[in-house]
Amino acid sequence: MKSHKLALLMIWPAFLMVGCKDKAKEQTMVPPPIDNIVKVDTTSILAADTMAAVEEAPGMPPAPRGNGYAVQVASGTDENYIQYLVDLWKGRGYEPFVSTITHKNETHYRVRLGLFQTQAEAKNVVAELEDKYSLKTWIDQISN
């Protein structure tokens, strides 16, 4: 009986080390959380007197030309994190673009997918994103 306990005590650390190694590997494969993204209600911003015009973000994918619908997946003020999100969405097979808006002297970068010709097409993408990534998004009508 003592030899079984001794063997168990000797083997147990090996199991712990293997389990920890796998956890560390999993953690390096997971992208950073998207919980620090600033969600901006564009409706209220568009009505604000302090708002500057919506612009393209230099060095980021520009908005496609035309009229239609875009699906906004994120917005934030950290340009490096926004670039990470652009690369992430490209890697997932989407065509993201970034526009900026200035509110209270702070630049907000908006990561969007589109341009979809109909609202129904945009709704299909919203449903896909919610299903695949549990991501809450919204649709915005754009024209340029």
C-alpha atoms as a PDB file:
ATOM      1  CA  MET A   1       0.000   0.000   0.000  1.00  0.00           C
ATOM      2  CA  LYS A   2       2.841   2.371   0.844  1.00  0.00           C
ATOM      3  CA  SER A   3       4.464   1.720  -2.535  1.00  0.00           C
ATOM      4  CA  HIS A   4       1.214   2.679  -4.309  1.00  0.00           C
ATOM      5  CA  LYS A   5       1.058   5.952  -2.420  1.00  0.00           C
ATOM      6  CA  LEU A   6       4.704   6.622  -3.170  1.00  0.00           C
ATOM      7  CA  ALA A   7       4.219   5.861  -6.852  1.00  0.00           C
ATOM      8  CA  LEU A   8       1.170   8.114  -6.933  1.00  0.00           C
ATOM      9  CA  LEU A   9       3.103  10.931  -5.260  1.00  0.00           C
ATOM     10  CA  MET A  10       5.888  10.577  -7.833  1.00  0.00           C
ATOM     11  CA  ILE A  11       3.579  10.449 -10.862  1.00  0.00           C
ATOM     12  CA  TRP A  12       1.208  13.245  -9.777  1.00  0.00           C
ATOM     13  CA  PRO A  13       3.654  16.151 -10.492  1.00  0.00           C
ATOM     14  CA  ALA A  14       4.186  14.795 -14.008  1.00  0.00           C
ATOM     15  CA  PHE A  15       0.444  14.970 -14.666  1.00  0.00           C
ATOM     16  CA  LEU A  16       0.321  18.515 -13.342  1.00  0.00           C
ATOM     17  CA  MET A  17       3.226  19.613 -15.526  1.00  0.00           C
ATOM     18  CA  VAL A  18       1.681  18.122 -18.666  1.00  0.00           C
ATOM     19  CA  GLY A  19      -1.657  19.764 -17.892  1.00  0.00           C
ATOM     20  CA  CYS A  20      -0.041  23.153 -17.294  1.00  0.00           C
ATOM     21  CA  LYS A  21       1.964  22.914 -20.506  1.00  0.00           C
ATOM     22  CA  ASP A  22      -1.235  22.340 -22.512  1.00  0.00           C
ATOM     23  CA  LYS A  23      -2.963  25.268 -20.789  1.00  0.00           C
ATOM     24  CA  ALA A  24      -0.058  27.585 -21.607  1.00  0.00           C
ATOM     25  CA  LYS A  25      -0.174  26.457 -25.237  1.00  0.00           C
ATOM     26  CA  GLU A  26      -3.939  27.113 -25.417  1.00  0.00           C
ATOM     27  CA  GLN A  27      -3.516  30.567 -23.926  1.00  0.00           C
ATOM     28  CA  THR A  28      -0.979  31.578 -26.560  1.00  0.00           C
ATOM     29  CA  MET A  29      -3.427  30.575 -29.299  1.00  0.00           C
ATOM     30  CA  VAL A  30      -6.327  32.680 -27.994  1.00  0.00           C
ATOM     31  CA  PRO A  31      -6.481  36.306 -29.182  1.00  0.00           C
ATOM     32  CA  PRO A  32      -6.631  38.996 -26.520  1.00  0.00           C
ATOM     33  CA  PRO A  33     -10.105  39.787 -25.171  1.00  0.00           C
ATOM     34  CA  ILE A  34     -12.208  42.366 -26.932  1.00  0.00           C
ATOM     35  CA  ASP A  35     -13.649  43.730 -23.696  1.00  0.00           C
ATOM     36  CA  ASN A  36     -11.773  47.032 -23.791  1.00  0.00           C
ATOM     37  CA  ILE A  37     -13.462  48.221 -26.966  1.00  0.00           C
ATOM     38  CA  VAL A  38     -15.371  51.436 -26.614  1.00  0.00           C
ATOM     39  CA  LYS A  39     -18.856  51.087 -28.013  1.00  0.00           C
ATOM     40  CA  VAL A  40     -20.066  54.371 -29.418  1.00  0.00           C
ATOM     41  CA  ASP A  41     -23.678  55.209 -30.144  1.00  0.00           C
ATOM     42  CA  THR A  42     -23.201  56.789 -33.562  1.00  0.00           C
ATOM     43  CA  THR A  43     -26.729  58.183 -33.605  1.00  0.00           C
ATOM     44  CA  SER A  44     -26.064  60.517 -30.695  1.00  0.00           C
ATOM     45  CA  ILE A  45     -22.627  61.416 -31.974  1.00  0.00           C
ATOM     46  CA  LEU A  46     -23.944  62.406 -35.377  1.00  0.00           C
ATOM     47  CA  ALA A  47     -26.307  64.841 -33.700  1.00  0.00           C
ATOM     48  CA  ALA A  48     -23.612  66.348 -31.474  1.00  0.00           C
ATOM     49  CA  ASP A  49     -22.367  69.846 -32.251  1.00  0.00           C
ATOM     50  CA  THR A  50     -18.795  68.932 -31.301  1.00  0.00           C
ATOM     51  CA  MET A  51     -18.527  66.175 -33.885  1.00  0.00           C
ATOM     52  CA  ALA A  52     -16.135  66.513 -36.788  1.00  0.00           C
ATOM     53  CA  ALA A  53     -16.826  64.852 -40.109  1.00  0.00           C
ATOM     54  CA  VAL A  54     -16.438  61.093 -40.443  1.00  0.00           C
ATOM     55  CA  GLU A  55     -13.088  60.445 -42.073  1.00  0.00           C
ATOM     56  CA  GLU A  56     -10.982  57.579 -43.307  1.00  0.00           C
ATOM     57  CA  ALA A  57      -8.265  56.408 -40.932  1.00  0.00           C
ATOM     58  CA  PRO A  58      -4.821  56.977 -42.490  1.00  0.00           C
ATOM     59  CA  GLY A  59      -2.927  53.719 -42.936  1.00  0.00           C
ATOM     60  CA  MET A  60      -6.067  51.627 -42.382  1.00  0.00           C
ATOM     61  CA  PRO A  61      -8.299  49.974 -45.002  1.00  0.00           C
ATOM     62  CA  PRO A  62     -10.578  52.713 -46.385  1.00  0.00           C
ATOM     63  CA  ALA A  63     -14.335  52.459 -46.639  1.00  0.00           C
ATOM     64  CA  PRO A  64     -15.555  51.079 -49.936  1.00  0.00           C
ATOM     65  CA  ARG A  65     -17.170  53.637 -52.238  1.00  0.00           C
ATOM     66  CA  GLY A  66     -20.879  53.522 -52.852  1.00  0.00           C
ATOM     67  CA  ASN A  67     -24.156  53.286 -51.003  1.00  0.00           C
ATOM     68  CA  GLY A  68     -25.203  50.390 -48.856  1.00  0.00           C
ATOM     69  CA  TYR A  69     -24.861  48.871 -45.429  1.00  0.00           C
ATOM     70  CA  ALA A  70     -21.908  48.075 -43.200  1.00  0.00           C
ATOM     71  CA  VAL A  71     -21.718  45.880 -40.118  1.00  0.00           C
ATOM     72  CA  GLN A  72     -19.818  47.518 -37.283  1.00  0.00           C
ATOM     73  CA  VAL A  73     -17.888  44.953 -35.254  1.00  0.00           C
ATOM     74  CA  ALA A  74     -15.872  47.236 -32.961  1.00  0.00           C
ATOM     75  CA  SER A  75     -14.774  50.736 -32.188  1.00  0.00           C
ATOM     76  CA  GLY A  76     -12.067  52.092 -29.980  1.00  0.00           C
ATOM     77  CA  THR A  77      -9.467  54.764 -29.466  1.00  0.00           C
ATOM     78  CA  ASP A  78      -6.294  52.632 -29.509  1.00  0.00           C
ATOM     79  CA  GLU A  79      -5.005  52.617 -33.099  1.00  0.00           C
ATOM     80  CA  ASN A  80      -2.736  49.612 -32.495  1.00  0.00           C
ATOM     81  CA  TYR A  81      -5.593  47.507 -31.154  1.00  0.00           C
ATOM     82  CA  ILE A  82      -7.785  48.544 -34.070  1.00  0.00           C
ATOM     83  CA  GLN A  83      -5.039  47.419 -36.470  1.00  0.00           C
ATOM     84  CA  TYR A  84      -4.952  44.079 -34.626  1.00  0.00           C
ATOM     85  CA  LEU A  85      -8.718  43.744 -35.138  1.00  0.00           C
ATOM     86  CA  VAL A  86      -8.416  44.589 -38.837  1.00  0.00           C
ATOM     87  CA  ASP A  87      -5.813  41.846 -39.242  1.00  0.00           C
ATOM     88  CA  LEU A  88      -7.973  39.447 -37.210  1.00  0.00           C
ATOM     89  CA  TRP A  89     -11.028  40.001 -39.408  1.00  0.00           C
ATOM     90  CA  LYS A  90      -8.948  39.699 -42.578  1.00  0.00           C
ATOM     91  CA  GLY A  91      -7.623  36.385 -41.268  1.00  0.00           C
ATOM     92  CA  ARG A  92     -11.200  35.230 -40.723  1.00  0.00           C
ATOM     93  CA  GLY A  93     -11.962  35.908 -44.396  1.00  0.00           C
ATOM     94  CA  TYR A  94     -13.786  39.221 -44.126  1.00  0.00           C
ATOM     95  CA  GLU A  95     -12.996  42.576 -45.723  1.00  0.00           C
ATOM     96  CA  PRO A  96     -12.829  45.066 -42.850  1.00  0.00           C
ATOM     97  CA  PHE A  97     -12.456  48.796 -43.221  1.00  0.00           C
ATOM     98  CA  VAL A  98     -11.880  51.558 -40.725  1.00  0.00           C
ATOM     99  CA  SER A  99     -13.420  54.985 -40.489  1.00  0.00           C
ATOM    100  CA  THR A 100     -12.813  57.563 -37.821  1.00  0.00           C
ATOM    101  CA  ILE A 101     -14.987  59.991 -36.026  1.00  0.00           C
ATOM    102  CA  THR A 102     -13.901  62.721 -33.633  1.00  0.00           C
ATOM    103  CA  HIS A 103     -16.007  63.288 -30.563  1.00  0.00           C
ATOM    104  CA  LYS A 104     -14.996  65.670 -27.784  1.00  0.00           C
ATOM    105  CA  ASN A 105     -11.512  65.977 -29.309  1.00  0.00           C
ATOM    106  CA  GLU A 106     -10.952  62.208 -29.214  1.00  0.00           C
ATOM    107  CA  THR A 107     -10.594  60.037 -32.321  1.00  0.00           C
ATOM    108  CA  HIS A 108     -12.679  56.885 -32.403  1.00  0.00           C
ATOM    109  CA  TYR A 109     -11.770  54.186 -34.924  1.00  0.00           C
ATOM    110  CA  ARG A 110     -14.676  52.117 -36.199  1.00  0.00           C
ATOM    111  CA  VAL A 111     -14.011  48.630 -37.583  1.00  0.00           C
ATOM    112  CA  ARG A 112     -16.671  47.660 -40.068  1.00  0.00           C
ATOM    113  CA  LEU A 113     -17.394  44.907 -42.559  1.00  0.00           C
ATOM    114  CA  GLY A 114     -19.161  45.579 -45.838  1.00  0.00           C
ATOM    115  CA  LEU A 115     -20.335  47.234 -48.176  1.00  0.00           C
ATOM    116  CA  PHE A 116     -23.541  45.250 -48.567  1.00  0.00           C
ATOM    117  CA  GLN A 117     -26.071  46.329 -51.156  1.00  0.00           C
ATOM    118  CA  THR A 118     -29.119  45.369 -49.084  1.00  0.00           C
ATOM    119  CA  GLN A 119     -29.960  45.404 -45.421  1.00  0.00           C
ATOM    120  CA  ALA A 120     -30.883  41.712 -45.702  1.00  0.00           C
ATOM    121  CA  GLU A 121     -27.302  40.866 -46.742  1.00  0.00           C
ATOM    122  CA  ALA A 122     -25.972  42.807 -43.763  1.00  0.00           C
ATOM    123  CA  LYS A 123     -28.428  41.027 -41.441  1.00  0.00           C
ATOM    124  CA  ASN A 124     -27.147  37.675 -42.689  1.00  0.00           C
ATOM    125  CA  VAL A 125     -23.593  38.698 -41.738  1.00  0.00           C
ATOM    126  CA  VAL A 126     -24.787  39.903 -38.325  1.00  0.00           C
ATOM    127  CA  ALA A 127     -26.414  36.505 -37.724  1.00  0.00           C
ATOM    128  CA  GLU A 128     -23.246  34.719 -38.884  1.00  0.00           C
ATOM    129  CA  LEU A 129     -21.039  36.773 -36.553  1.00  0.00           C
ATOM    130  CA  GLU A 130     -23.340  36.189 -33.610  1.00  0.00           C
ATOM    131  CA  ASP A 131     -23.430  32.452 -34.325  1.00  0.00           C
ATOM    132  CA  LYS A 132     -19.691  31.979 -34.974  1.00  0.00           C
ATOM    133  CA  TYR A 133     -18.202  34.471 -32.513  1.00  0.00           C
ATOM    134  CA  SER A 134     -21.046  35.395 -30.103  1.00  0.00           C
ATOM    135  CA  LEU A 135     -20.427  38.957 -31.205  1.00  0.00           C
ATOM    136  CA  LYS A 136     -23.030  41.682 -30.864  1.00  0.00           C
ATOM    137  CA  THR A 137     -22.836  44.022 -33.839  1.00  0.00           C
ATOM    138  CA  TRP A 138     -25.020  46.540 -35.576  1.00  0.00           C
ATOM    139  CA  ILE A 139     -25.767  47.713 -39.066  1.00  0.00           C
ATOM    140  CA  ASP A 140     -25.149  51.229 -40.275  1.00  0.00           C
ATOM    141  CA  GLN A 141     -26.300  52.683 -43.572  1.00  0.00           C
ATOM    142  CA  ILE A 142     -23.496  54.436 -45.407  1.00  0.00           C
ATOM    143  CA  SER A 143     -23.332  56.533 -48.526  1.00  0.00           C
ATOM    144  CA  ASN A 144     -20.356  58.170 -50.157  1.00  0.00           C
END
